[in-house]
Amino acid sequence: MATTRRLNPEKLLLSKWTAAAPRDKEKHFLVVALGRPTPDAAVETVTLEAVYTRRRQTMAWQALRDAGQWLQGWK
């Protein structure tokens, strides 16, 4: 059963994440950017970079709250 966790989007930069279901040898990720529509606005998106392939993906930061998809830290 997937659970949700509380996260502060302002503190996600450089945090480490593990994909619950890795694909293409991409298991460990690092948050490399926070997306904001304006400099003073709240964080809307995060950009994750795969440690192994350096491929980047951008998604809503709330997706990291789903423990069924993302595990906090490198496991």
PDB file of N, CA and C in Angstrom:
ATOM      1  N   MET A   1       0.842  -1.184   0.000  1.00  0.00           N
ATOM      2  CA  MET A   1       0.000   0.000   0.000  1.00  0.00           C
ATOM      3  C   MET A   1       0.885   1.243   0.000  1.00  0.00           C
ATOM      4  N   ALA A   2       0.617   2.143  -0.908  1.00  0.00           N
ATOM      5  CA  ALA A   2       1.405   3.365  -1.019  1.00  0.00           C
ATOM      6  C   ALA A   2       0.943   4.359   0.040  1.00  0.00           C
ATOM      7  N   THR A   3       1.896   4.980   0.682  1.00  0.00           N
ATOM      8  CA  THR A   3       1.578   5.995   1.675  1.00  0.00           C
ATOM      9  C   THR A   3       2.113   7.329   1.188  1.00  0.00           C
ATOM     10  N   THR A   4       1.622   8.389   1.802  1.00  0.00           N
ATOM     11  CA  THR A   4       2.131   9.710   1.450  1.00  0.00           C
ATOM     12  C   THR A   4       2.943  10.246   2.617  1.00  0.00           C
ATOM     13  N   ARG A   5       3.951  11.005   2.300  1.00  0.00           N
ATOM     14  CA  ARG A   5       4.805  11.587   3.340  1.00  0.00           C
ATOM     15  C   ARG A   5       4.742  13.099   3.247  1.00  0.00           C
ATOM     16  N   ARG A   6       5.042  13.737   4.342  1.00  0.00           N
ATOM     17  CA  ARG A   6       5.077  15.198   4.376  1.00  0.00           C
ATOM     18  C   ARG A   6       6.451  15.659   3.903  1.00  0.00           C
ATOM     19  N   LEU A   7       6.455  16.592   2.979  1.00  0.00           N
ATOM     20  CA  LEU A   7       7.707  17.142   2.463  1.00  0.00           C
ATOM     21  C   LEU A   7       7.615  18.654   2.413  1.00  0.00           C
ATOM     22  N   ASN A   8       8.733  19.307   2.634  1.00  0.00           N
ATOM     23  CA  ASN A   8       8.819  20.747   2.457  1.00  0.00           C
ATOM     24  C   ASN A   8       9.488  20.967   1.103  1.00  0.00           C
ATOM     25  N   PRO A   9       8.751  21.474   0.108  1.00  0.00           N
ATOM     26  CA  PRO A   9       9.340  21.620  -1.232  1.00  0.00           C
ATOM     27  C   PRO A   9      10.543  22.557  -1.269  1.00  0.00           C
ATOM     28  N   GLU A  10      10.636  23.474  -0.322  1.00  0.00           N
ATOM     29  CA  GLU A  10      11.772  24.404  -0.292  1.00  0.00           C
ATOM     30  C   GLU A  10      13.075  23.692   0.071  1.00  0.00           C
ATOM     31  N   LYS A  11      12.993  22.513   0.698  1.00  0.00           N
ATOM     32  CA  LYS A  11      14.196  21.799   1.146  1.00  0.00           C
ATOM     33  C   LYS A  11      14.533  20.586   0.285  1.00  0.00           C
ATOM     34  N   LEU A  12      13.931  20.474  -0.892  1.00  0.00           N
ATOM     35  CA  LEU A  12      14.160  19.307  -1.740  1.00  0.00           C
ATOM     36  C   LEU A  12      15.440  19.385  -2.576  1.00  0.00           C
ATOM     37  N   LEU A  13      15.966  20.576  -2.811  1.00  0.00           N
ATOM     38  CA  LEU A  13      17.151  20.713  -3.667  1.00  0.00           C
ATOM     39  C   LEU A  13      18.302  19.877  -3.116  1.00  0.00           C
ATOM     40  N   LEU A  14      18.908  19.077  -3.989  1.00  0.00           N
ATOM     41  CA  LEU A  14      20.028  18.170  -3.700  1.00  0.00           C
ATOM     42  C   LEU A  14      19.640  16.985  -2.812  1.00  0.00           C
ATOM     43  N   SER A  15      18.336  16.750  -2.635  1.00  0.00           N
ATOM     44  CA  SER A  15      17.927  15.568  -1.875  1.00  0.00           C
ATOM     45  C   SER A  15      18.055  14.326  -2.755  1.00  0.00           C
ATOM     46  N   LYS A  16      18.197  13.166  -2.106  1.00  0.00           N
ATOM     47  CA  LYS A  16      18.418  11.903  -2.807  1.00  0.00           C
ATOM     48  C   LYS A  16      17.163  11.049  -2.757  1.00  0.00           C
ATOM     49  N   TRP A  17      16.869  10.374  -3.882  1.00  0.00           N
ATOM     50  CA  TRP A  17      15.668   9.558  -4.005  1.00  0.00           C
ATOM     51  C   TRP A  17      15.986   8.245  -4.711  1.00  0.00           C
ATOM     52  N   THR A  18      15.231   7.204  -4.369  1.00  0.00           N
ATOM     53  CA  THR A  18      15.360   5.904  -5.006  1.00  0.00           C
ATOM     54  C   THR A  18      14.025   5.566  -5.655  1.00  0.00           C
ATOM     55  N   ALA A  19      14.069   5.158  -6.915  1.00  0.00           N
ATOM     56  CA  ALA A  19      12.847   4.739  -7.606  1.00  0.00           C
ATOM     57  C   ALA A  19      12.402   3.392  -7.048  1.00  0.00           C
ATOM     58  N   ALA A  20      11.116   3.266  -6.708  1.00  0.00           N
ATOM     59  CA  ALA A  20      10.590   2.016  -6.171  1.00  0.00           C
ATOM     60  C   ALA A  20      10.585   0.927  -7.253  1.00  0.00           C
ATOM     61  N   ALA A  21      10.421   1.327  -8.506  1.00  0.00           N
ATOM     62  CA  ALA A  21      10.438   0.386  -9.636  1.00  0.00           C
ATOM     63  C   ALA A  21      11.427   0.910 -10.677  1.00  0.00           C
ATOM     64  N   PRO A  22      12.721   0.637 -10.507  1.00  0.00           N
ATOM     65  CA  PRO A  22      13.735   1.177 -11.430  1.00  0.00           C
ATOM     66  C   PRO A  22      13.544   0.695 -12.865  1.00  0.00           C
ATOM     67  N   ARG A  23      13.888   1.582 -13.810  1.00  0.00           N
ATOM     68  CA  ARG A  23      13.835   1.239 -15.234  1.00  0.00           C
ATOM     69  C   ARG A  23      15.138   1.670 -15.886  1.00  0.00           C
ATOM     70  N   ASP A  24      15.616   0.889 -16.819  1.00  0.00           N
ATOM     71  CA  ASP A  24      16.832   1.206 -17.591  1.00  0.00           C
ATOM     72  C   ASP A  24      18.024   1.533 -16.682  1.00  0.00           C
ATOM     73  N   LYS A  25      18.220   0.750 -15.635  1.00  0.00           N
ATOM     74  CA  LYS A  25      19.320   0.921 -14.679  1.00  0.00           C
ATOM     75  C   LYS A  25      19.271   2.255 -13.943  1.00  0.00           C
ATOM     76  N   GLU A  26      18.139   2.946 -13.997  1.00  0.00           N
ATOM     77  CA  GLU A  26      17.986   4.210 -13.303  1.00  0.00           C
ATOM     78  C   GLU A  26      17.257   3.956 -11.984  1.00  0.00           C
ATOM     79  N   LYS A  27      18.026   3.901 -10.920  1.00  0.00           N
ATOM     80  CA  LYS A  27      17.466   3.612  -9.604  1.00  0.00           C
ATOM     81  C   LYS A  27      17.621   4.801  -8.663  1.00  0.00           C
ATOM     82  N   HIS A  28      18.790   5.412  -8.656  1.00  0.00           N
ATOM     83  CA  HIS A  28      19.073   6.518  -7.750  1.00  0.00           C
ATOM     84  C   HIS A  28      18.988   7.858  -8.487  1.00  0.00           C
ATOM     85  N   PHE A  29      18.374   8.824  -7.811  1.00  0.00           N
ATOM     86  CA  PHE A  29      18.153  10.145  -8.403  1.00  0.00           C
ATOM     87  C   PHE A  29      18.521  11.229  -7.409  1.00  0.00           C
ATOM     88  N   LEU A  30      18.874  12.390  -7.957  1.00  0.00           N
ATOM     89  CA  LEU A  30      19.215  13.561  -7.170  1.00  0.00           C
ATOM     90  C   LEU A  30      18.369  14.724  -7.681  1.00  0.00           C
ATOM     91  N   VAL A  31      17.772  15.496  -6.777  1.00  0.00           N
ATOM     92  CA  VAL A  31      17.011  16.680  -7.187  1.00  0.00           C
ATOM     93  C   VAL A  31      18.026  17.767  -7.520  1.00  0.00           C
ATOM     94  N   VAL A  32      18.064  18.184  -8.784  1.00  0.00           N
ATOM     95  CA  VAL A  32      19.071  19.151  -9.226  1.00  0.00           C
ATOM     96  C   VAL A  32      18.496  20.547  -9.471  1.00  0.00           C
ATOM     97  N   ALA A  33      17.160  20.681  -9.498  1.00  0.00           N
ATOM     98  CA  ALA A  33      16.565  22.002  -9.725  1.00  0.00           C
ATOM     99  C   ALA A  33      15.146  22.030  -9.184  1.00  0.00           C
ATOM    100  N   LEU A  34      14.750  23.227  -8.722  1.00  0.00           N
ATOM    101  CA  LEU A  34      13.380  23.475  -8.281  1.00  0.00           C
ATOM    102  C   LEU A  34      12.750  24.420  -9.290  1.00  0.00           C
ATOM    103  N   GLY A  35      11.544  24.098  -9.739  1.00  0.00           N
ATOM    104  CA  GLY A  35      10.865  24.922 -10.740  1.00  0.00           C
ATOM    105  C   GLY A  35       9.855  25.851 -10.108  1.00  0.00           C
ATOM    106  N   ARG A  36       9.986  27.130 -10.420  1.00  0.00           N
ATOM    107  CA  ARG A  36       9.069  28.165  -9.928  1.00  0.00           C
ATOM    108  C   ARG A  36       8.654  29.034 -11.112  1.00  0.00           C
ATOM    109  N   PRO A  37       7.376  29.430 -11.179  1.00  0.00           N
ATOM    110  CA  PRO A  37       6.959  30.301 -12.287  1.00  0.00           C
ATOM    111  C   PRO A  37       7.603  31.686 -12.203  1.00  0.00           C
ATOM    112  N   THR A  38       7.834  32.190 -10.992  1.00  0.00           N
ATOM    113  CA  THR A  38       8.544  33.457 -10.780  1.00  0.00           C
ATOM    114  C   THR A  38       9.477  33.250  -9.590  1.00  0.00           C
ATOM    115  N   PRO A  39      10.498  34.079  -9.444  1.00  0.00           N
ATOM    116  CA  PRO A  39      11.454  33.871  -8.349  1.00  0.00           C
ATOM    117  C   PRO A  39      10.836  33.868  -6.948  1.00  0.00           C
ATOM    118  N   ASP A  40       9.762  34.612  -6.738  1.00  0.00           N
ATOM    119  CA  ASP A  40       9.139  34.684  -5.414  1.00  0.00           C
ATOM    120  C   ASP A  40       8.015  33.674  -5.219  1.00  0.00           C
ATOM    121  N   ALA A  41       7.678  32.909  -6.244  1.00  0.00           N
ATOM    122  CA  ALA A  41       6.560  31.971  -6.171  1.00  0.00           C
ATOM    123  C   ALA A  41       6.961  30.679  -5.466  1.00  0.00           C
ATOM    124  N   ALA A  42       5.963  29.910  -5.106  1.00  0.00           N
ATOM    125  CA  ALA A  42       6.204  28.618  -4.466  1.00  0.00           C
ATOM    126  C   ALA A  42       6.747  27.612  -5.477  1.00  0.00           C
ATOM    127  N   VAL A  43       7.428  26.602  -4.986  1.00  0.00           N
ATOM    128  CA  VAL A  43       7.980  25.544  -5.840  1.00  0.00           C
ATOM    129  C   VAL A  43       6.821  24.763  -6.458  1.00  0.00           C
ATOM    130  N   GLU A  44       6.862  24.549  -7.779  1.00  0.00           N
ATOM    131  CA  GLU A  44       5.835  23.771  -8.462  1.00  0.00           C
ATOM    132  C   GLU A  44       6.376  22.440  -8.976  1.00  0.00           C
ATOM    133  N   THR A  45       7.631  22.438  -9.437  1.00  0.00           N
ATOM    134  CA  THR A  45       8.198  21.222 -10.015  1.00  0.00           C
ATOM    135  C   THR A  45       9.601  20.982  -9.473  1.00  0.00           C
ATOM    136  N   VAL A  46      10.054  19.750  -9.633  1.00  0.00           N
ATOM    137  CA  VAL A  46      11.446  19.401  -9.328  1.00  0.00           C
ATOM    138  C   VAL A  46      12.024  18.717 -10.560  1.00  0.00           C
ATOM    139  N   THR A  47      13.321  18.870 -10.750  1.00  0.00           N
ATOM    140  CA  THR A  47      14.026  18.170 -11.815  1.00  0.00           C
ATOM    141  C   THR A  47      14.940  17.161 -11.152  1.00  0.00           C
ATOM    142  N   LEU A  48      14.705  15.885 -11.480  1.00  0.00           N
ATOM    143  CA  LEU A  48      15.529  14.807 -10.944  1.00  0.00           C
ATOM    144  C   LEU A  48      16.513  14.359 -12.004  1.00  0.00           C
ATOM    145  N   GLU A  49      17.734  14.054 -11.584  1.00  0.00           N
ATOM    146  CA  GLU A  49      18.766  13.549 -12.486  1.00  0.00           C
ATOM    147  C   GLU A  49      19.158  12.154 -12.033  1.00  0.00           C
ATOM    148  N   ALA A  50      19.121  11.199 -12.969  1.00  0.00           N
ATOM    149  CA  ALA A  50      19.536   9.832 -12.661  1.00  0.00           C
ATOM    150  C   ALA A  50      21.038   9.810 -12.455  1.00  0.00           C
ATOM    151  N   VAL A  51      21.482   9.194 -11.385  1.00  0.00           N
ATOM    152  CA  VAL A  51      22.909   9.160 -11.064  1.00  0.00           C
ATOM    153  C   VAL A  51      23.675   8.355 -12.111  1.00  0.00           C
ATOM    154  N   TYR A  52      23.121   7.260 -12.575  1.00  0.00           N
ATOM    155  CA  TYR A  52      23.819   6.362 -13.493  1.00  0.00           C
ATOM    156  C   TYR A  52      23.890   6.916 -14.915  1.00  0.00           C
ATOM    157  N   THR A  53      22.761   7.421 -15.439  1.00  0.00           N
ATOM    158  CA  THR A  53      22.709   7.835 -16.845  1.00  0.00           C
ATOM    159  C   THR A  53      22.754   9.350 -17.051  1.00  0.00           C
ATOM    160  N   ARG A  54      22.569  10.122 -15.986  1.00  0.00           N
ATOM    161  CA  ARG A  54      22.506  11.588 -16.044  1.00  0.00           C
ATOM    162  C   ARG A  54      21.275  12.108 -16.795  1.00  0.00           C
ATOM    163  N   ARG A  55      20.317  11.231 -17.087  1.00  0.00           N
ATOM    164  CA  ARG A  55      19.073  11.668 -17.726  1.00  0.00           C
ATOM    165  C   ARG A  55      18.255  12.471 -16.715  1.00  0.00           C
ATOM    166  N   ARG A  56      17.643  13.537 -17.190  1.00  0.00           N
ATOM    167  CA  ARG A  56      16.842  14.394 -16.309  1.00  0.00           C
ATOM    168  C   ARG A  56      15.369  14.260 -16.635  1.00  0.00           C
ATOM    169  N   GLN A  57      14.561  14.386 -15.579  1.00  0.00           N
ATOM    170  CA  GLN A  57      13.114  14.401 -15.754  1.00  0.00           C
ATOM    171  C   GLN A  57      12.535  15.436 -14.800  1.00  0.00           C
ATOM    172  N   THR A  58      11.523  16.151 -15.275  1.00  0.00           N
ATOM    173  CA  THR A  58      10.867  17.170 -14.471  1.00  0.00           C
ATOM    174  C   THR A  58       9.459  16.699 -14.161  1.00  0.00           C
ATOM    175  N   MET A  59       9.054  16.883 -12.911  1.00  0.00           N
ATOM    176  CA  MET A  59       7.714  16.472 -12.495  1.00  0.00           C
ATOM    177  C   MET A  59       7.252  17.356 -11.346  1.00  0.00           C
ATOM    178  N   ALA A  60       5.969  17.274 -11.028  1.00  0.00           N
ATOM    179  CA  ALA A  60       5.432  18.001  -9.878  1.00  0.00           C
ATOM    180  C   ALA A  60       6.096  17.459  -8.618  1.00  0.00           C
ATOM    181  N   TRP A  61       6.476  18.334  -7.707  1.00  0.00           N
ATOM    182  CA  TRP A  61       7.182  17.897  -6.500  1.00  0.00           C
ATOM    183  C   TRP A  61       6.311  16.966  -5.659  1.00  0.00           C
ATOM    184  N   GLN A  62       4.994  17.079  -5.764  1.00  0.00           N
ATOM    185  CA  GLN A  62       4.090  16.242  -4.978  1.00  0.00           C
ATOM    186  C   GLN A  62       4.216  14.763  -5.324  1.00  0.00           C
ATOM    187  N   ALA A  63       4.736  14.435  -6.516  1.00  0.00           N
ATOM    188  CA  ALA A  63       4.915  13.031  -6.908  1.00  0.00           C
ATOM    189  C   ALA A  63       5.882  12.314  -5.969  1.00  0.00           C
ATOM    190  N   LEU A  64       6.813  13.049  -5.364  1.00  0.00           N
ATOM    191  CA  LEU A  64       7.779  12.442  -4.443  1.00  0.00           C
ATOM    192  C   LEU A  64       7.124  11.999  -3.136  1.00  0.00           C
ATOM    193  N   ARG A  65       5.920  12.452  -2.871  1.00  0.00           N
ATOM    194  CA  ARG A  65       5.213  12.065  -1.650  1.00  0.00           C
ATOM    195  C   ARG A  65       4.676  10.637  -1.728  1.00  0.00           C
ATOM    196  N   ASP A  66       4.596  10.065  -2.920  1.00  0.00           N
ATOM    197  CA  ASP A  66       4.054   8.714  -3.100  1.00  0.00           C
ATOM    198  C   ASP A  66       5.132   7.671  -2.813  1.00  0.00           C
ATOM    199  N   ALA A  67       5.021   7.025  -1.665  1.00  0.00           N
ATOM    200  CA  ALA A  67       6.018   6.024  -1.264  1.00  0.00           C
ATOM    201  C   ALA A  67       5.962   4.777  -2.137  1.00  0.00           C
ATOM    202  N   GLY A  68       4.924   4.616  -2.926  1.00  0.00           N
ATOM    203  CA  GLY A  68       4.838   3.498  -3.857  1.00  0.00           C
ATOM    204  C   GLY A  68       5.716   3.696  -5.079  1.00  0.00           C
ATOM    205  N   GLN A  69       6.120   4.945  -5.354  1.00  0.00           N
ATOM    206  CA  GLN A  69       6.969   5.254  -6.503  1.00  0.00           C
ATOM    207  C   GLN A  69       8.358   5.714  -6.107  1.00  0.00           C
ATOM    208  N   TRP A  70       8.468   6.450  -4.995  1.00  0.00           N
ATOM    209  CA  TRP A  70       9.743   7.044  -4.604  1.00  0.00           C
ATOM    210  C   TRP A  70      10.054   6.763  -3.144  1.00  0.00           C
ATOM    211  N   LEU A  71      11.300   6.392  -2.864  1.00  0.00           N
ATOM    212  CA  LEU A  71      11.786   6.167  -1.519  1.00  0.00           C
ATOM    213  C   LEU A  71      12.795   7.272  -1.213  1.00  0.00           C
ATOM    214  N   GLN A  72      12.682   7.876  -0.043  1.00  0.00           N
ATOM    215  CA  GLN A  72      13.590   8.964   0.312  1.00  0.00           C
ATOM    216  C   GLN A  72      14.959   8.397   0.657  1.00  0.00           C
ATOM    217  N   GLY A  73      16.004   9.003   0.107  1.00  0.00           N
ATOM    218  CA  GLY A  73      17.375   8.513   0.303  1.00  0.00           C
ATOM    219  C   GLY A  73      17.739   7.484  -0.737  1.00  0.00           C
ATOM    220  N   TRP A  74      18.952   6.981  -0.675  1.00  0.00           N
ATOM    221  CA  TRP A  74      19.410   5.948  -1.607  1.00  0.00           C
ATOM    222  C   TRP A  74      19.381   4.624  -0.880  1.00  0.00           C
ATOM    223  N   LYS A  75      18.551   3.740  -1.353  1.00  0.00           N
ATOM    224  CA  LYS A  75      18.361   2.427  -0.718  1.00  0.00           C
ATOM    225  C   LYS A  75      18.967   1.336  -1.568  1.00  0.00           C
TER     226      LYS A  75
END
